[in-house]
Amino acid sequence: MAQAVRWNHPFSYLNSDGKRHPVENSFASVTLLLGLVAVITAWWPGLHMIGSWAGLIGILTGAWGQFISATTGERFVTIIGLGAAAVGFYLGVAHGGLVP
């Protein structure tokens, strides 16, 4: 019954193999955060620079995060963030691009 009273760490989904992966978890979290920023700023055409840059950096961190990921949970979070970053990037470029 030890598993019934064991406290699960918030990143236990990402560390499904029982080992710690601080770098991989950081890349997955940053990619998700940048993807959310890129998608949210895509709603306003005046924020195209923020969305474009956040999307571009999110795509790059997501690609590297996929390359070094160790568990399925990390890959899942990275792909969600990577897709959101790509949508935000493309909409930001459509509204004006990376420069003012």
N, C-alpha and C. Protein backbone atom coordinates (compact mmCIF):
# COMPACT_ATOMS: atom_id res chain seq x y z
N MET A 1 0.81 -1.20 0.00
CA MET A 1 0.00 0.00 0.00
C MET A 1 0.85 1.26 0.00
N ALA A 2 2.14 1.13 -0.17
CA ALA A 2 3.00 2.31 -0.18
C ALA A 2 2.66 3.22 -1.35
N GLN A 3 2.23 2.67 -2.46
CA GLN A 3 1.89 3.51 -3.60
C GLN A 3 0.64 4.34 -3.35
N ALA A 4 -0.21 3.93 -2.43
CA ALA A 4 -1.44 4.68 -2.13
C ALA A 4 -1.16 5.97 -1.39
N VAL A 5 -0.12 6.01 -0.61
CA VAL A 5 0.18 7.21 0.17
C VAL A 5 1.37 7.98 -0.41
N ARG A 6 1.93 7.52 -1.49
CA ARG A 6 3.06 8.20 -2.11
C ARG A 6 2.58 9.47 -2.81
N TRP A 7 3.32 10.56 -2.61
CA TRP A 7 2.98 11.82 -3.24
C TRP A 7 3.57 11.85 -4.63
N ASN A 8 2.76 12.18 -5.61
CA ASN A 8 3.24 12.27 -6.99
C ASN A 8 3.72 13.67 -7.28
N HIS A 9 4.87 13.75 -7.85
CA HIS A 9 5.45 15.03 -8.24
C HIS A 9 4.66 15.59 -9.42
N PRO A 10 4.57 16.93 -9.57
CA PRO A 10 3.81 17.49 -10.70
C PRO A 10 4.32 17.04 -12.06
N PHE A 11 5.61 16.73 -12.17
CA PHE A 11 6.16 16.29 -13.45
C PHE A 11 6.19 14.76 -13.57
N SER A 12 5.41 14.05 -12.76
CA SER A 12 5.44 12.59 -12.83
C SER A 12 4.92 12.08 -14.17
N TYR A 13 4.05 12.85 -14.83
CA TYR A 13 3.59 12.46 -16.16
C TYR A 13 4.74 12.53 -17.16
N LEU A 14 5.57 13.56 -17.03
CA LEU A 14 6.68 13.71 -17.94
C LEU A 14 7.80 12.72 -17.64
N ASN A 15 7.96 12.36 -16.39
CA ASN A 15 9.00 11.42 -15.98
C ASN A 15 8.41 10.04 -15.75
N SER A 16 7.78 9.49 -16.75
CA SER A 16 7.08 8.23 -16.59
C SER A 16 8.02 7.04 -16.43
N ASP A 17 9.29 7.21 -16.71
CA ASP A 17 10.23 6.11 -16.54
C ASP A 17 10.84 6.07 -15.14
N GLY A 18 10.45 7.01 -14.28
CA GLY A 18 10.94 7.03 -12.91
C GLY A 18 12.23 7.79 -12.71
N LYS A 19 12.82 8.31 -13.77
CA LYS A 19 14.06 9.08 -13.68
C LYS A 19 13.75 10.55 -13.87
N ARG A 20 14.64 11.39 -13.36
CA ARG A 20 14.47 12.83 -13.54
C ARG A 20 15.06 13.25 -14.88
N HIS A 21 14.36 14.15 -15.57
CA HIS A 21 14.83 14.69 -16.84
C HIS A 21 14.64 16.21 -16.82
N PRO A 22 15.46 16.94 -16.08
CA PRO A 22 15.23 18.38 -15.95
C PRO A 22 15.39 19.15 -17.25
N VAL A 23 16.35 18.79 -18.06
CA VAL A 23 16.57 19.51 -19.32
C VAL A 23 15.43 19.24 -20.29
N GLU A 24 15.06 17.99 -20.43
CA GLU A 24 13.99 17.64 -21.36
C GLU A 24 12.65 18.22 -20.92
N ASN A 25 12.39 18.20 -19.61
CA ASN A 25 11.15 18.80 -19.10
C ASN A 25 11.14 20.30 -19.31
N SER A 26 12.29 20.93 -19.18
CA SER A 26 12.38 22.37 -19.41
C SER A 26 12.08 22.71 -20.86
N PHE A 27 12.64 21.95 -21.78
CA PHE A 27 12.36 22.19 -23.20
C PHE A 27 10.88 21.98 -23.51
N ALA A 28 10.26 20.95 -22.96
CA ALA A 28 8.84 20.71 -23.19
C ALA A 28 7.99 21.84 -22.63
N SER A 29 8.31 22.31 -21.42
CA SER A 29 7.54 23.39 -20.79
C SER A 29 7.71 24.71 -21.52
N VAL A 30 8.93 25.03 -21.92
CA VAL A 30 9.18 26.29 -22.63
C VAL A 30 8.50 26.27 -24.00
N THR A 31 8.54 25.13 -24.67
CA THR A 31 7.87 25.03 -25.97
C THR A 31 6.37 25.22 -25.83
N LEU A 32 5.78 24.62 -24.80
CA LEU A 32 4.35 24.79 -24.58
C LEU A 32 4.02 26.24 -24.25
N LEU A 33 4.82 26.88 -23.42
CA LEU A 33 4.59 28.28 -23.07
C LEU A 33 4.72 29.19 -24.28
N LEU A 34 5.76 29.01 -25.07
CA LEU A 34 5.93 29.83 -26.27
C LEU A 34 4.82 29.58 -27.29
N GLY A 35 4.37 28.35 -27.40
CA GLY A 35 3.26 28.06 -28.29
C GLY A 35 1.98 28.74 -27.86
N LEU A 36 1.71 28.76 -26.56
CA LEU A 36 0.53 29.46 -26.06
C LEU A 36 0.62 30.96 -26.31
N VAL A 37 1.79 31.54 -26.08
CA VAL A 37 1.98 32.98 -26.34
C VAL A 37 1.77 33.27 -27.82
N ALA A 38 2.33 32.45 -28.69
CA ALA A 38 2.20 32.68 -30.13
C ALA A 38 0.76 32.57 -30.60
N VAL A 39 0.02 31.59 -30.09
CA VAL A 39 -1.37 31.42 -30.52
C VAL A 39 -2.25 32.54 -29.98
N ILE A 40 -2.03 32.92 -28.73
CA ILE A 40 -2.86 33.97 -28.13
C ILE A 40 -2.61 35.32 -28.82
N THR A 41 -1.35 35.64 -29.11
CA THR A 41 -1.07 36.92 -29.78
C THR A 41 -1.48 36.90 -31.25
N ALA A 42 -1.73 35.72 -31.82
CA ALA A 42 -2.16 35.66 -33.21
C ALA A 42 -3.57 36.22 -33.40
N TRP A 43 -4.34 36.35 -32.32
CA TRP A 43 -5.70 36.89 -32.43
C TRP A 43 -5.69 38.37 -32.76
N TRP A 44 -4.62 39.08 -32.43
CA TRP A 44 -4.53 40.51 -32.68
C TRP A 44 -3.43 40.78 -33.71
N PRO A 45 -3.80 41.28 -34.90
CA PRO A 45 -2.80 41.51 -35.94
C PRO A 45 -1.72 42.52 -35.53
N GLY A 46 -2.01 43.42 -34.61
CA GLY A 46 -1.01 44.38 -34.16
C GLY A 46 0.12 43.76 -33.34
N LEU A 47 -0.09 42.56 -32.85
CA LEU A 47 0.93 41.87 -32.06
C LEU A 47 1.67 40.82 -32.90
N HIS A 48 1.78 41.07 -34.21
CA HIS A 48 2.38 40.08 -35.09
C HIS A 48 3.85 39.83 -34.79
N MET A 49 4.57 40.84 -34.31
CA MET A 49 5.99 40.62 -34.00
C MET A 49 6.17 39.67 -32.82
N ILE A 50 5.37 39.87 -31.77
CA ILE A 50 5.48 39.00 -30.60
C ILE A 50 5.11 37.57 -30.98
N GLY A 51 4.01 37.43 -31.72
CA GLY A 51 3.58 36.09 -32.13
C GLY A 51 4.56 35.41 -33.06
N SER A 52 5.13 36.18 -33.98
CA SER A 52 6.08 35.60 -34.93
C SER A 52 7.35 35.13 -34.22
N TRP A 53 7.90 35.98 -33.37
CA TRP A 53 9.13 35.61 -32.68
C TRP A 53 8.90 34.49 -31.68
N ALA A 54 7.80 34.55 -30.94
CA ALA A 54 7.50 33.48 -29.99
C ALA A 54 7.28 32.16 -30.73
N GLY A 55 6.61 32.22 -31.87
CA GLY A 55 6.39 31.02 -32.67
C GLY A 55 7.67 30.45 -33.23
N LEU A 56 8.55 31.33 -33.73
CA LEU A 56 9.81 30.86 -34.30
C LEU A 56 10.70 30.22 -33.24
N ILE A 57 10.81 30.88 -32.09
CA ILE A 57 11.62 30.32 -31.00
C ILE A 57 10.98 29.04 -30.48
N GLY A 58 9.63 29.01 -30.43
CA GLY A 58 8.93 27.80 -30.00
C GLY A 58 9.15 26.63 -30.95
N ILE A 59 9.21 26.92 -32.24
CA ILE A 59 9.47 25.86 -33.22
C ILE A 59 10.88 25.31 -33.03
N LEU A 60 11.84 26.19 -32.81
CA LEU A 60 13.22 25.74 -32.63
C LEU A 60 13.40 24.95 -31.33
N THR A 61 12.83 25.46 -30.23
CA THR A 61 12.95 24.72 -28.97
C THR A 61 12.17 23.41 -29.02
N GLY A 62 11.04 23.41 -29.72
CA GLY A 62 10.26 22.18 -29.87
C GLY A 62 10.99 21.13 -30.69
N ALA A 63 11.67 21.57 -31.75
CA ALA A 63 12.42 20.62 -32.57
C ALA A 63 13.57 20.00 -31.76
N TRP A 64 14.27 20.84 -31.00
CA TRP A 64 15.36 20.30 -30.19
C TRP A 64 14.81 19.45 -29.03
N GLY A 65 13.69 19.86 -28.47
CA GLY A 65 13.07 19.08 -27.41
C GLY A 65 12.63 17.70 -27.89
N GLN A 66 12.15 17.61 -29.11
CA GLN A 66 11.79 16.31 -29.67
C GLN A 66 13.03 15.45 -29.88
N PHE A 67 14.12 16.09 -30.26
CA PHE A 67 15.35 15.36 -30.52
C PHE A 67 15.92 14.73 -29.25
N ILE A 68 15.80 15.44 -28.12
CA ILE A 68 16.41 14.94 -26.89
C ILE A 68 15.41 14.32 -25.92
N SER A 69 14.13 14.27 -26.27
CA SER A 69 13.12 13.77 -25.33
C SER A 69 13.36 12.30 -24.99
N ALA A 70 12.98 11.95 -23.75
CA ALA A 70 13.24 10.60 -23.26
C ALA A 70 11.97 9.79 -23.02
N THR A 71 10.83 10.46 -22.81
CA THR A 71 9.60 9.74 -22.49
C THR A 71 8.48 10.19 -23.42
N THR A 72 7.41 9.40 -23.44
CA THR A 72 6.26 9.73 -24.28
C THR A 72 5.55 10.98 -23.78
N GLY A 73 5.50 11.19 -22.47
CA GLY A 73 4.87 12.39 -21.93
C GLY A 73 5.56 13.66 -22.38
N GLU A 74 6.89 13.65 -22.41
CA GLU A 74 7.63 14.80 -22.90
C GLU A 74 7.35 15.05 -24.37
N ARG A 75 7.28 13.99 -25.14
CA ARG A 75 7.01 14.14 -26.57
C ARG A 75 5.61 14.68 -26.81
N PHE A 76 4.65 14.23 -26.00
CA PHE A 76 3.27 14.70 -26.15
C PHE A 76 3.17 16.20 -25.89
N VAL A 77 3.75 16.65 -24.77
CA VAL A 77 3.70 18.07 -24.42
C VAL A 77 4.46 18.90 -25.45
N THR A 78 5.58 18.39 -25.93
CA THR A 78 6.37 19.11 -26.92
C THR A 78 5.63 19.25 -28.24
N ILE A 79 4.94 18.20 -28.66
CA ILE A 79 4.20 18.26 -29.94
C ILE A 79 3.03 19.24 -29.85
N ILE A 80 2.33 19.28 -28.71
CA ILE A 80 1.24 20.24 -28.55
C ILE A 80 1.79 21.66 -28.63
N GLY A 81 2.87 21.92 -27.92
CA GLY A 81 3.49 23.25 -27.96
C GLY A 81 4.06 23.58 -29.32
N LEU A 82 4.64 22.59 -29.98
CA LEU A 82 5.21 22.80 -31.31
C LEU A 82 4.12 23.14 -32.32
N GLY A 83 3.01 22.46 -32.27
CA GLY A 83 1.91 22.78 -33.18
C GLY A 83 1.34 24.16 -32.93
N ALA A 84 1.17 24.53 -31.66
CA ALA A 84 0.67 25.87 -31.33
C ALA A 84 1.66 26.93 -31.76
N ALA A 85 2.95 26.69 -31.57
CA ALA A 85 3.97 27.65 -31.98
C ALA A 85 3.97 27.82 -33.50
N ALA A 86 3.79 26.74 -34.23
CA ALA A 86 3.77 26.82 -35.69
C ALA A 86 2.56 27.61 -36.18
N VAL A 87 1.40 27.37 -35.60
CA VAL A 87 0.19 28.12 -35.99
C VAL A 87 0.37 29.60 -35.67
N GLY A 88 0.87 29.91 -34.48
CA GLY A 88 1.11 31.30 -34.11
C GLY A 88 2.14 31.96 -34.99
N PHE A 89 3.19 31.23 -35.35
CA PHE A 89 4.23 31.77 -36.23
C PHE A 89 3.66 32.08 -37.61
N TYR A 90 2.94 31.14 -38.18
CA TYR A 90 2.40 31.35 -39.53
C TYR A 90 1.38 32.48 -39.56
N LEU A 91 0.53 32.59 -38.54
CA LEU A 91 -0.42 33.69 -38.50
C LEU A 91 0.28 35.03 -38.27
N GLY A 92 1.33 35.02 -37.44
CA GLY A 92 2.11 36.23 -37.22
C GLY A 92 2.79 36.70 -38.49
N VAL A 93 3.33 35.76 -39.26
CA VAL A 93 3.97 36.11 -40.54
C VAL A 93 2.92 36.62 -41.52
N ALA A 94 1.75 36.03 -41.53
CA ALA A 94 0.69 36.48 -42.42
C ALA A 94 0.21 37.89 -42.08
N HIS A 95 0.31 38.27 -40.79
CA HIS A 95 -0.15 39.60 -40.38
C HIS A 95 0.94 40.67 -40.48
N GLY A 96 2.16 40.29 -40.78
CA GLY A 96 3.18 41.31 -40.92
C GLY A 96 4.60 40.83 -40.74
N GLY A 97 4.79 39.69 -40.19
CA GLY A 97 6.11 39.11 -40.13
C GLY A 97 6.91 39.42 -38.88
N LEU A 98 8.21 39.19 -38.98
CA LEU A 98 9.11 39.30 -37.85
C LEU A 98 9.59 40.73 -37.59
N VAL A 99 9.43 41.61 -38.53
CA VAL A 99 9.89 43.00 -38.39
C VAL A 99 8.70 43.94 -38.44
N PRO A 100 8.85 45.15 -37.87
CA PRO A 100 7.71 46.09 -37.86
C PRO A 100 7.28 46.57 -39.22
